[in-house]
C-alpha atoms as a PDB file:
ATOM      1  CA  MET A   1      15.798 -28.049  -3.485  1.00  0.00           C
ATOM      2  CA  THR A   2      16.670 -25.094  -5.231  1.00  0.00           C
ATOM      3  CA  TYR A   3      13.549 -24.682  -7.280  1.00  0.00           C
ATOM      4  CA  GLN A   4      11.282 -21.625  -7.673  1.00  0.00           C
ATOM      5  CA  ARG A   5       8.433 -21.106  -8.555  1.00  0.00           C
ATOM      6  CA  ARG A   6       8.117 -18.315 -10.250  1.00  0.00           C
ATOM      7  CA  ALA A   7       4.796 -16.395 -10.874  1.00  0.00           C
ATOM      8  CA  TYR A   8       4.572 -16.910 -14.658  1.00  0.00           C
ATOM      9  CA  ASP A   9       6.143 -19.748 -17.267  1.00  0.00           C
ATOM     10  CA  ASP A  10       9.304 -18.935 -18.837  1.00  0.00           C
ATOM     11  CA  GLN A  11       7.125 -18.544 -21.797  1.00  0.00           C
ATOM     12  CA  SER A  12       5.620 -15.834 -20.768  1.00  0.00           C
ATOM     13  CA  THR A  13       6.922 -12.247 -22.802  1.00  0.00           C
ATOM     14  CA  THR A  14       6.408  -8.491 -20.943  1.00  0.00           C
ATOM     15  CA  GLN A  15       3.503  -7.525 -23.057  1.00  0.00           C
ATOM     16  CA  GLU A  16       1.296 -10.502 -21.958  1.00  0.00           C
ATOM     17  CA  MET A  17       2.352 -10.216 -18.582  1.00  0.00           C
ATOM     18  CA  HIS A  18       1.060  -6.368 -18.784  1.00  0.00           C
ATOM     19  CA  ASP A  19      -1.584  -7.224 -19.820  1.00  0.00           C
ATOM     20  CA  ASP A  20      -2.533  -9.943 -17.063  1.00  0.00           C
ATOM     21  CA  CYS A  21      -1.979  -7.150 -14.554  1.00  0.00           C
ATOM     22  CA  SER A  22      -4.433  -4.940 -16.683  1.00  0.00           C
ATOM     23  CA  ALA A  23      -7.257  -7.328 -16.427  1.00  0.00           C
ATOM     24  CA  ALA A  24      -6.347  -8.211 -13.162  1.00  0.00           C
ATOM     25  CA  GLY A  25      -6.282  -4.456 -11.452  1.00  0.00           C
ATOM     26  CA  SER A  26     -10.045  -4.370 -13.883  1.00  0.00           C
ATOM     27  CA  ALA A  27     -11.601  -7.589 -12.402  1.00  0.00           C
ATOM     28  CA  LEU A  28     -10.775  -5.919  -8.954  1.00  0.00           C
ATOM     29  CA  ARG A  29     -12.322  -2.179  -9.687  1.00  0.00           C
ATOM     30  CA  LEU A  30      -8.848  -0.373  -8.916  1.00  0.00           C
ATOM     31  CA  PRO A  31      -9.539   3.537  -9.471  1.00  0.00           C
ATOM     32  CA  ALA A  32      -7.626   4.907 -12.199  1.00  0.00           C
ATOM     33  CA  ARG A  33      -3.932   5.777 -11.464  1.00  0.00           C
ATOM     34  CA  PRO A  34      -2.929   9.228 -12.818  1.00  0.00           C
ATOM     35  CA  SER A  35       0.022   9.611 -16.005  1.00  0.00           C
ATOM     36  CA  ARG A  36       3.193  11.237 -14.768  1.00  0.00           C
ATOM     37  CA  ALA A  37       2.440  14.349 -16.450  1.00  0.00           C
ATOM     38  CA  GLU A  38      -1.014  15.038 -13.870  1.00  0.00           C
ATOM     39  CA  LEU A  39       1.540  13.716 -10.957  1.00  0.00           C
ATOM     40  CA  VAL A  40       4.331  15.998 -12.080  1.00  0.00           C
ATOM     41  CA  ALA A  41       1.317  18.569 -12.347  1.00  0.00           C
ATOM     42  CA  GLU A  42       0.420  18.439  -9.743  1.00  0.00           C
ATOM     43  CA  LEU A  43       3.623  18.281  -7.320  1.00  0.00           C
ATOM     44  CA  ALA A  44       4.612  21.435  -9.668  1.00  0.00           C
ATOM     45  CA  VAL A  45       1.871  23.232  -7.557  1.00  0.00           C
ATOM     46  CA  ARG A  46       2.132  22.108  -4.269  1.00  0.00           C
ATOM     47  CA  PRO A  47       4.161  24.257  -1.610  1.00  0.00           C
ATOM     48  CA  ALA A  48       7.455  23.343  -0.854  1.00  0.00           C
ATOM     49  CA  PRO A  49       7.454  21.758   2.839  1.00  0.00           C
ATOM     50  CA  SER A  50       8.760  24.618   5.140  1.00  0.00           C
ATOM     51  CA  LEU A  51      12.377  23.570   7.051  1.00  0.00           C
ATOM     52  CA  HIS A  52      11.795  25.905  10.212  1.00  0.00           C
ATOM     53  CA  TYR A  53      11.643  24.457  12.992  1.00  0.00           C
ATOM     54  CA  ALA A  54       8.442  27.224  13.599  1.00  0.00           C
ATOM     55  CA  ASP A  55       6.058  25.576  11.450  1.00  0.00           C
ATOM     56  CA  ARG A  56       6.478  21.683  12.114  1.00  0.00           C
ATOM     57  CA  ARG A  57       3.467  19.736  12.422  1.00  0.00           C
ATOM     58  CA  GLU A  58       2.642  18.174  15.778  1.00  0.00           C
ATOM     59  CA  THR A  59       1.068  14.260  14.444  1.00  0.00           C
ATOM     60  CA  THR A  60      -0.247  12.084  17.150  1.00  0.00           C
ATOM     61  CA  LYS A  61      -0.274   8.656  17.537  1.00  0.00           C
ATOM     62  CA  PRO A  62      -3.268   6.640  16.535  1.00  0.00           C
ATOM     63  CA  VAL A  63      -5.427   4.968  19.408  1.00  0.00           C
ATOM     64  CA  ILE A  64      -6.101   1.495  19.505  1.00  0.00           C
ATOM     65  CA  THR A  65      -9.290   0.254  21.077  1.00  0.00           C
ATOM     66  CA  VAL A  66      -9.607  -2.570  23.101  1.00  0.00           C
ATOM     67  CA  THR A  67     -12.649  -4.219  23.188  1.00  0.00           C
ATOM     68  CA  ALA A  68     -13.817  -6.637  25.615  1.00  0.00           C
ATOM     69  CA  ALA A  69     -14.088  -9.875  23.714  1.00  0.00           C
ATOM     70  CA  ALA A  70      -9.960  -9.010  22.616  1.00  0.00           C
ATOM     71  CA  GLN A  71      -9.533  -8.773  26.138  1.00  0.00           C
ATOM     72  CA  ARG A  72     -10.701 -11.995  27.269  1.00  0.00           C
ATOM     73  CA  LEU A  73      -9.384 -13.855  24.533  1.00  0.00           C
ATOM     74  CA  ALA A  74      -5.911 -12.537  25.778  1.00  0.00           C
ATOM     75  CA  VAL A  75      -5.793 -13.446  28.568  1.00  0.00           C
ATOM     76  CA  VAL A  76      -6.920 -17.734  27.663  1.00  0.00           C
ATOM     77  CA  PHE A  77      -4.416 -17.394  25.355  1.00  0.00           C
ATOM     78  CA  ASP A  78      -1.900 -15.645  27.742  1.00  0.00           C
ATOM     79  CA  ARG A  79      -2.458 -19.113  29.834  1.00  0.00           C
ATOM     80  CA  ASP A  80       0.536 -21.054  28.891  1.00  0.00           C
END
């Protein structure tokens, strides 16, 4: 079939979709997004990243711990 399910019906306006998103955001209690002017002001005072090799920062990989329960499940599921 060529039918594609859409999130909104064809009659929804852009304003209705925006209002729906705003209502969902307030119901989820999402933090307020800063305005574009606030983002630009924050980026304007941030120093530029260094291009020198000596100034590089080492990033470590996250440590993943495997619990005993996860190991037991892996053994059970690995038995094919």
